[in-house]
Amino acid sequence: MGRNKFSQKEIEKIGKLLKLKNAGTRFQQKMIRHTLRVDYEFNISDFNVQGKAFGYDELQECIRKQRILILDDATIEAMKAKRARDKARDEAARQAEAIASGEAVDWKEVQKEWDAYYNSPEEKKSVSG
């Protein structure tokens, strides 16, 4: 599930991309859908009728029906920042859980041990001697 709240600038860019998508080749369409998902967190599948193309007109219809909301830039930026914090927190929790269960290795800790071993005075003596 992507976002359903965008700034006016984002909506204008999304609209342009949707116009390009409908006029493009299959490869261009894939690239535009990827850009929409990654750069704008806009998933066409969240809004379209399955089997029907989603373009600029359908975008405007979603806005009219308030399935897509247009908010001010400051609100959108605050929302993106919160989403990024939540994503980072969730990823850190998943990583900690995987390390605790033995499914993953704490590479930061391994790097510290490596550095401590290879930078210790005893190691320097044996390497230089």
N, C-alpha and C. Protein backbone atom coordinates (compact mmCIF):
# COMPACT_ATOMS: atom_id res chain seq x y z
N MET A 1 0.85 -1.18 0.00
CA MET A 1 0.00 0.00 0.00
C MET A 1 0.89 1.24 0.00
N GLY A 2 0.65 2.10 -0.92
CA GLY A 2 1.40 3.35 -1.01
C GLY A 2 0.66 4.46 -0.30
N ARG A 3 1.01 5.66 -0.66
CA ARG A 3 0.38 6.84 -0.07
C ARG A 3 -0.90 7.20 -0.82
N ASN A 4 -1.75 7.97 -0.15
CA ASN A 4 -2.91 8.54 -0.82
C ASN A 4 -3.00 10.04 -0.56
N LYS A 5 -1.94 10.60 0.03
CA LYS A 5 -1.87 12.03 0.31
C LYS A 5 -0.62 12.59 -0.36
N PHE A 6 -0.83 13.62 -1.17
CA PHE A 6 0.25 14.19 -1.96
C PHE A 6 0.15 15.70 -1.96
N SER A 7 1.26 16.37 -2.27
CA SER A 7 1.24 17.82 -2.46
C SER A 7 0.76 18.11 -3.88
N GLN A 8 0.40 19.35 -4.13
CA GLN A 8 -0.03 19.74 -5.47
C GLN A 8 1.09 19.51 -6.48
N LYS A 9 2.32 19.82 -6.10
CA LYS A 9 3.47 19.62 -7.00
C LYS A 9 3.62 18.14 -7.35
N GLU A 10 3.48 17.28 -6.35
CA GLU A 10 3.59 15.84 -6.60
C GLU A 10 2.49 15.36 -7.55
N ILE A 11 1.28 15.85 -7.32
CA ILE A 11 0.15 15.45 -8.18
C ILE A 11 0.42 15.87 -9.63
N GLU A 12 0.97 17.07 -9.81
CA GLU A 12 1.27 17.54 -11.17
C GLU A 12 2.32 16.63 -11.82
N LYS A 13 3.35 16.25 -11.07
CA LYS A 13 4.40 15.38 -11.62
C LYS A 13 3.85 13.97 -11.89
N ILE A 14 3.03 13.47 -10.97
CA ILE A 14 2.41 12.16 -11.16
C ILE A 14 1.53 12.18 -12.40
N GLY A 15 0.76 13.25 -12.57
CA GLY A 15 -0.09 13.39 -13.76
C GLY A 15 0.71 13.36 -15.05
N LYS A 16 1.84 14.07 -15.06
CA LYS A 16 2.70 14.06 -16.25
C LYS A 16 3.24 12.66 -16.53
N LEU A 17 3.66 11.98 -15.46
CA LEU A 17 4.19 10.63 -15.63
C LEU A 17 3.11 9.67 -16.16
N LEU A 18 1.89 9.83 -15.67
CA LEU A 18 0.79 8.97 -16.14
C LEU A 18 0.49 9.22 -17.62
N LYS A 19 0.58 10.48 -18.05
CA LYS A 19 0.39 10.77 -19.48
C LYS A 19 1.49 10.11 -20.31
N LEU A 20 2.74 10.20 -19.81
CA LEU A 20 3.85 9.56 -20.52
C LEU A 20 3.70 8.04 -20.54
N LYS A 21 3.23 7.50 -19.43
CA LYS A 21 3.07 6.04 -19.33
C LYS A 21 2.12 5.53 -20.39
N ASN A 22 0.99 6.18 -20.55
CA ASN A 22 -0.01 5.70 -21.50
C ASN A 22 0.44 5.88 -22.95
N ALA A 23 1.41 6.76 -23.19
CA ALA A 23 1.90 6.97 -24.55
C ALA A 23 3.18 6.19 -24.82
N GLY A 24 3.74 5.53 -23.80
CA GLY A 24 5.03 4.88 -23.95
C GLY A 24 4.98 3.43 -24.34
N THR A 25 6.17 2.89 -24.61
CA THR A 25 6.32 1.46 -24.90
C THR A 25 6.17 0.68 -23.61
N ARG A 26 6.13 -0.62 -23.73
CA ARG A 26 5.99 -1.48 -22.55
C ARG A 26 7.13 -1.23 -21.56
N PHE A 27 8.36 -1.12 -22.07
CA PHE A 27 9.51 -0.88 -21.20
C PHE A 27 9.39 0.49 -20.53
N GLN A 28 9.01 1.51 -21.28
CA GLN A 28 8.84 2.85 -20.70
C GLN A 28 7.76 2.84 -19.63
N GLN A 29 6.69 2.11 -19.87
CA GLN A 29 5.61 2.01 -18.88
C GLN A 29 6.12 1.38 -17.58
N LYS A 30 6.94 0.33 -17.72
CA LYS A 30 7.52 -0.31 -16.52
C LYS A 30 8.37 0.67 -15.73
N MET A 31 9.19 1.43 -16.45
CA MET A 31 10.08 2.39 -15.80
C MET A 31 9.28 3.49 -15.11
N ILE A 32 8.22 3.95 -15.73
CA ILE A 32 7.39 5.00 -15.13
C ILE A 32 6.67 4.47 -13.91
N ARG A 33 6.14 3.25 -13.98
CA ARG A 33 5.48 2.67 -12.80
C ARG A 33 6.48 2.53 -11.65
N HIS A 34 7.71 2.14 -11.99
CA HIS A 34 8.76 2.03 -10.97
C HIS A 34 9.03 3.40 -10.33
N THR A 35 9.16 4.42 -11.15
CA THR A 35 9.38 5.78 -10.64
C THR A 35 8.23 6.22 -9.74
N LEU A 36 7.01 5.93 -10.15
CA LEU A 36 5.85 6.30 -9.34
C LEU A 36 5.90 5.61 -7.97
N ARG A 37 6.26 4.32 -7.98
CA ARG A 37 6.31 3.57 -6.71
C ARG A 37 7.44 4.06 -5.82
N VAL A 38 8.63 4.23 -6.39
CA VAL A 38 9.82 4.53 -5.59
C VAL A 38 9.87 6.00 -5.18
N ASP A 39 9.69 6.88 -6.13
CA ASP A 39 9.85 8.31 -5.84
C ASP A 39 8.65 8.94 -5.15
N TYR A 40 7.45 8.44 -5.46
CA TYR A 40 6.23 9.06 -4.92
C TYR A 40 5.41 8.13 -4.03
N GLU A 41 5.83 6.87 -3.90
CA GLU A 41 5.06 5.87 -3.15
C GLU A 41 3.62 5.83 -3.68
N PHE A 42 3.50 5.94 -4.99
CA PHE A 42 2.21 5.92 -5.67
C PHE A 42 2.07 4.60 -6.38
N ASN A 43 1.16 3.77 -5.91
CA ASN A 43 0.91 2.46 -6.52
C ASN A 43 -0.40 2.54 -7.30
N ILE A 44 -0.30 2.39 -8.59
CA ILE A 44 -1.49 2.45 -9.44
C ILE A 44 -2.53 1.44 -8.96
N SER A 45 -2.07 0.28 -8.53
CA SER A 45 -3.00 -0.78 -8.12
C SER A 45 -3.84 -0.40 -6.90
N ASP A 46 -3.43 0.62 -6.16
CA ASP A 46 -4.22 1.09 -5.02
C ASP A 46 -5.48 1.83 -5.47
N PHE A 47 -5.49 2.29 -6.72
CA PHE A 47 -6.56 3.17 -7.17
C PHE A 47 -7.31 2.70 -8.40
N ASN A 48 -6.72 1.82 -9.20
CA ASN A 48 -7.37 1.49 -10.48
C ASN A 48 -8.33 0.33 -10.37
N VAL A 49 -9.17 0.21 -11.39
CA VAL A 49 -10.04 -0.95 -11.55
C VAL A 49 -9.21 -1.99 -12.29
N GLN A 50 -9.15 -3.19 -11.75
CA GLN A 50 -8.29 -4.21 -12.33
C GLN A 50 -8.66 -4.46 -13.79
N GLY A 51 -7.61 -4.53 -14.62
CA GLY A 51 -7.80 -4.78 -16.04
C GLY A 51 -8.04 -3.52 -16.85
N LYS A 52 -8.14 -2.37 -16.18
CA LYS A 52 -8.38 -1.12 -16.88
C LYS A 52 -7.16 -0.22 -16.70
N ALA A 53 -6.76 0.46 -17.78
CA ALA A 53 -5.60 1.35 -17.72
C ALA A 53 -5.87 2.50 -16.75
N PHE A 54 -4.81 2.94 -16.07
CA PHE A 54 -4.92 4.07 -15.15
C PHE A 54 -4.09 5.19 -15.71
N GLY A 55 -4.73 6.30 -16.01
CA GLY A 55 -4.03 7.44 -16.58
C GLY A 55 -4.39 8.73 -15.87
N TYR A 56 -4.12 9.82 -16.55
CA TYR A 56 -4.34 11.16 -15.99
C TYR A 56 -5.80 11.37 -15.60
N ASP A 57 -6.73 10.97 -16.46
CA ASP A 57 -8.16 11.17 -16.18
C ASP A 57 -8.60 10.40 -14.94
N GLU A 58 -8.08 9.18 -14.78
CA GLU A 58 -8.42 8.37 -13.61
C GLU A 58 -7.83 9.00 -12.34
N LEU A 59 -6.65 9.59 -12.48
CA LEU A 59 -6.04 10.30 -11.35
C LEU A 59 -6.94 11.44 -10.91
N GLN A 60 -7.42 12.22 -11.86
CA GLN A 60 -8.29 13.35 -11.54
C GLN A 60 -9.61 12.88 -10.91
N GLU A 61 -10.10 11.74 -11.38
CA GLU A 61 -11.33 11.18 -10.80
C GLU A 61 -11.11 10.76 -9.34
N CYS A 62 -9.95 10.18 -9.07
CA CYS A 62 -9.63 9.79 -7.69
C CYS A 62 -9.52 11.02 -6.78
N ILE A 63 -8.98 12.08 -7.30
CA ILE A 63 -8.88 13.33 -6.53
C ILE A 63 -10.29 13.88 -6.28
N ARG A 64 -11.13 13.87 -7.32
CA ARG A 64 -12.49 14.37 -7.19
C ARG A 64 -13.29 13.57 -6.14
N LYS A 65 -13.08 12.25 -6.15
CA LYS A 65 -13.79 11.38 -5.20
C LYS A 65 -13.10 11.33 -3.83
N GLN A 66 -12.00 12.05 -3.69
CA GLN A 66 -11.21 12.13 -2.46
C GLN A 66 -10.59 10.80 -2.04
N ARG A 67 -10.33 9.95 -3.02
CA ARG A 67 -9.53 8.75 -2.75
C ARG A 67 -8.07 9.15 -2.67
N ILE A 68 -7.73 10.26 -3.32
CA ILE A 68 -6.40 10.86 -3.25
C ILE A 68 -6.60 12.27 -2.73
N LEU A 69 -5.85 12.60 -1.68
CA LEU A 69 -5.98 13.91 -1.05
C LEU A 69 -4.77 14.77 -1.38
N ILE A 70 -5.02 16.05 -1.57
CA ILE A 70 -3.95 17.01 -1.82
C ILE A 70 -3.81 17.87 -0.56
N LEU A 71 -2.59 17.82 0.02
CA LEU A 71 -2.30 18.57 1.23
C LEU A 71 -1.17 19.55 0.96
N ASP A 72 -0.94 20.46 1.91
CA ASP A 72 0.12 21.45 1.72
C ASP A 72 1.49 20.78 1.84
N ASP A 73 2.50 21.46 1.28
CA ASP A 73 3.86 20.92 1.22
C ASP A 73 4.42 20.58 2.60
N ALA A 74 4.19 21.44 3.59
CA ALA A 74 4.75 21.21 4.93
C ALA A 74 4.18 19.94 5.55
N THR A 75 2.90 19.73 5.39
CA THR A 75 2.26 18.53 5.93
C THR A 75 2.81 17.28 5.27
N ILE A 76 2.99 17.34 3.95
CA ILE A 76 3.52 16.19 3.21
C ILE A 76 4.94 15.90 3.66
N GLU A 77 5.77 16.92 3.82
CA GLU A 77 7.16 16.72 4.27
C GLU A 77 7.20 16.11 5.66
N ALA A 78 6.35 16.59 6.56
CA ALA A 78 6.29 16.03 7.92
C ALA A 78 5.85 14.56 7.86
N MET A 79 4.90 14.26 6.99
CA MET A 79 4.40 12.89 6.84
C MET A 79 5.52 11.98 6.31
N LYS A 80 6.27 12.46 5.31
CA LYS A 80 7.38 11.67 4.76
C LYS A 80 8.46 11.43 5.81
N ALA A 81 8.76 12.45 6.61
CA ALA A 81 9.78 12.30 7.65
C ALA A 81 9.34 11.27 8.68
N LYS A 82 8.08 11.32 9.08
CA LYS A 82 7.57 10.34 10.05
C LYS A 82 7.62 8.94 9.46
N ARG A 83 7.25 8.80 8.20
CA ARG A 83 7.29 7.49 7.53
C ARG A 83 8.70 6.94 7.50
N ALA A 84 9.67 7.82 7.22
CA ALA A 84 11.08 7.39 7.18
C ALA A 84 11.55 6.96 8.56
N ARG A 85 11.16 7.71 9.59
CA ARG A 85 11.54 7.32 10.97
C ARG A 85 10.91 5.98 11.34
N ASP A 86 9.65 5.80 11.01
CA ASP A 86 8.96 4.54 11.32
C ASP A 86 9.61 3.37 10.58
N LYS A 87 9.97 3.59 9.32
CA LYS A 87 10.61 2.54 8.53
C LYS A 87 11.96 2.15 9.13
N ALA A 88 12.74 3.16 9.53
CA ALA A 88 14.05 2.90 10.14
C ALA A 88 13.89 2.17 11.47
N ARG A 89 12.92 2.58 12.27
CA ARG A 89 12.67 1.92 13.55
C ARG A 89 12.26 0.46 13.35
N ASP A 90 11.36 0.22 12.40
CA ASP A 90 10.91 -1.14 12.14
C ASP A 90 12.04 -2.01 11.63
N GLU A 91 12.89 -1.45 10.76
CA GLU A 91 14.03 -2.21 10.22
C GLU A 91 15.02 -2.54 11.34
N ALA A 92 15.28 -1.58 12.22
CA ALA A 92 16.19 -1.82 13.35
C ALA A 92 15.63 -2.91 14.26
N ALA A 93 14.33 -2.90 14.48
CA ALA A 93 13.69 -3.92 15.32
C ALA A 93 13.79 -5.30 14.66
N ARG A 94 13.56 -5.35 13.34
CA ARG A 94 13.67 -6.63 12.61
C ARG A 94 15.10 -7.15 12.67
N GLN A 95 16.07 -6.25 12.49
CA GLN A 95 17.48 -6.64 12.53
C GLN A 95 17.86 -7.16 13.92
N ALA A 96 17.43 -6.44 14.96
CA ALA A 96 17.74 -6.87 16.32
C ALA A 96 17.12 -8.23 16.62
N GLU A 97 15.90 -8.45 16.15
CA GLU A 97 15.23 -9.74 16.36
C GLU A 97 15.97 -10.86 15.63
N ALA A 98 16.42 -10.59 14.40
CA ALA A 98 17.14 -11.59 13.62
C ALA A 98 18.49 -11.92 14.28
N ILE A 99 19.15 -10.93 14.84
CA ILE A 99 20.43 -11.15 15.52
C ILE A 99 20.19 -11.96 16.79
N ALA A 100 19.16 -11.60 17.55
CA ALA A 100 18.85 -12.30 18.80
C ALA A 100 18.50 -13.77 18.55
N SER A 101 17.83 -14.04 17.44
CA SER A 101 17.42 -15.42 17.14
C SER A 101 18.52 -16.22 16.43
N GLY A 102 19.61 -15.54 16.07
CA GLY A 102 20.70 -16.23 15.39
C GLY A 102 20.53 -16.32 13.88
N GLU A 103 19.48 -15.71 13.34
CA GLU A 103 19.26 -15.73 11.90
C GLU A 103 20.19 -14.78 11.15
N ALA A 104 20.73 -13.81 11.86
CA ALA A 104 21.61 -12.82 11.23
C ALA A 104 22.78 -12.54 12.15
N VAL A 105 23.81 -11.93 11.58
CA VAL A 105 25.01 -11.59 12.34
C VAL A 105 25.05 -10.08 12.50
N ASP A 106 25.45 -9.62 13.68
CA ASP A 106 25.62 -8.20 13.91
C ASP A 106 26.97 -7.79 13.32
N TRP A 107 26.95 -7.32 12.08
CA TRP A 107 28.19 -7.02 11.38
C TRP A 107 28.95 -5.86 12.00
N LYS A 108 28.26 -4.95 12.66
CA LYS A 108 28.95 -3.85 13.33
C LYS A 108 29.80 -4.39 14.48
N GLU A 109 29.24 -5.34 15.20
CA GLU A 109 29.98 -5.96 16.31
C GLU A 109 31.16 -6.78 15.78
N VAL A 110 30.95 -7.50 14.71
CA VAL A 110 32.02 -8.28 14.10
C VAL A 110 33.15 -7.35 13.64
N GLN A 111 32.78 -6.22 13.05
CA GLN A 111 33.79 -5.26 12.60
C GLN A 111 34.58 -4.72 13.78
N LYS A 112 33.93 -4.44 14.89
CA LYS A 112 34.63 -3.96 16.10
C LYS A 112 35.63 -5.02 16.59
N GLU A 113 35.20 -6.27 16.62
CA GLU A 113 36.09 -7.35 17.06
C GLU A 113 37.28 -7.48 16.11
N TRP A 114 37.01 -7.40 14.83
CA TRP A 114 38.06 -7.48 13.82
C TRP A 114 39.08 -6.35 14.02
N ASP A 115 38.56 -5.13 14.14
CA ASP A 115 39.43 -3.97 14.35
C ASP A 115 40.24 -4.09 15.63
N ALA A 116 39.60 -4.56 16.71
CA ALA A 116 40.29 -4.70 17.98
C ALA A 116 41.41 -5.74 17.87
N TYR A 117 41.15 -6.83 17.17
CA TYR A 117 42.14 -7.88 17.03
C TYR A 117 43.33 -7.41 16.19
N TYR A 118 43.03 -6.84 15.03
CA TYR A 118 44.10 -6.47 14.11
C TYR A 118 44.79 -5.15 14.45
N ASN A 119 44.25 -4.42 15.38
CA ASN A 119 44.88 -3.18 15.81
C ASN A 119 45.47 -3.30 17.22
N SER A 120 45.47 -4.51 17.75
CA SER A 120 46.01 -4.71 19.10
C SER A 120 47.54 -4.67 19.05
N PRO A 121 48.21 -4.27 20.15
CA PRO A 121 49.68 -4.21 20.18
C PRO A 121 50.33 -5.57 19.93
N GLU A 122 49.73 -6.66 20.43
CA GLU A 122 50.31 -7.98 20.23
C GLU A 122 50.35 -8.35 18.76
N GLU A 123 49.28 -8.03 18.04
CA GLU A 123 49.19 -8.35 16.62
C GLU A 123 50.23 -7.54 15.83
N LYS A 124 50.43 -6.30 16.21
CA LYS A 124 51.39 -5.45 15.50
C LYS A 124 52.81 -5.99 15.70
N LYS A 125 53.08 -6.49 16.90
CA LYS A 125 54.41 -7.06 17.17
C LYS A 125 54.64 -8.29 16.32
N SER A 126 53.64 -9.19 16.24
CA SER A 126 53.83 -10.43 15.49
C SER A 126 53.89 -10.17 13.99
N VAL A 127 53.19 -9.17 13.51
CA VAL A 127 53.22 -8.85 12.09
C VAL A 127 54.55 -8.21 11.73
N SER A 128 55.06 -7.30 12.57
CA SER A 128 56.30 -6.59 12.24
C SER A 128 57.52 -7.43 12.59
N GLY A 129 57.41 -8.43 13.43
CA GLY A 129 58.56 -9.17 13.90
C GLY A 129 58.80 -10.40 13.16
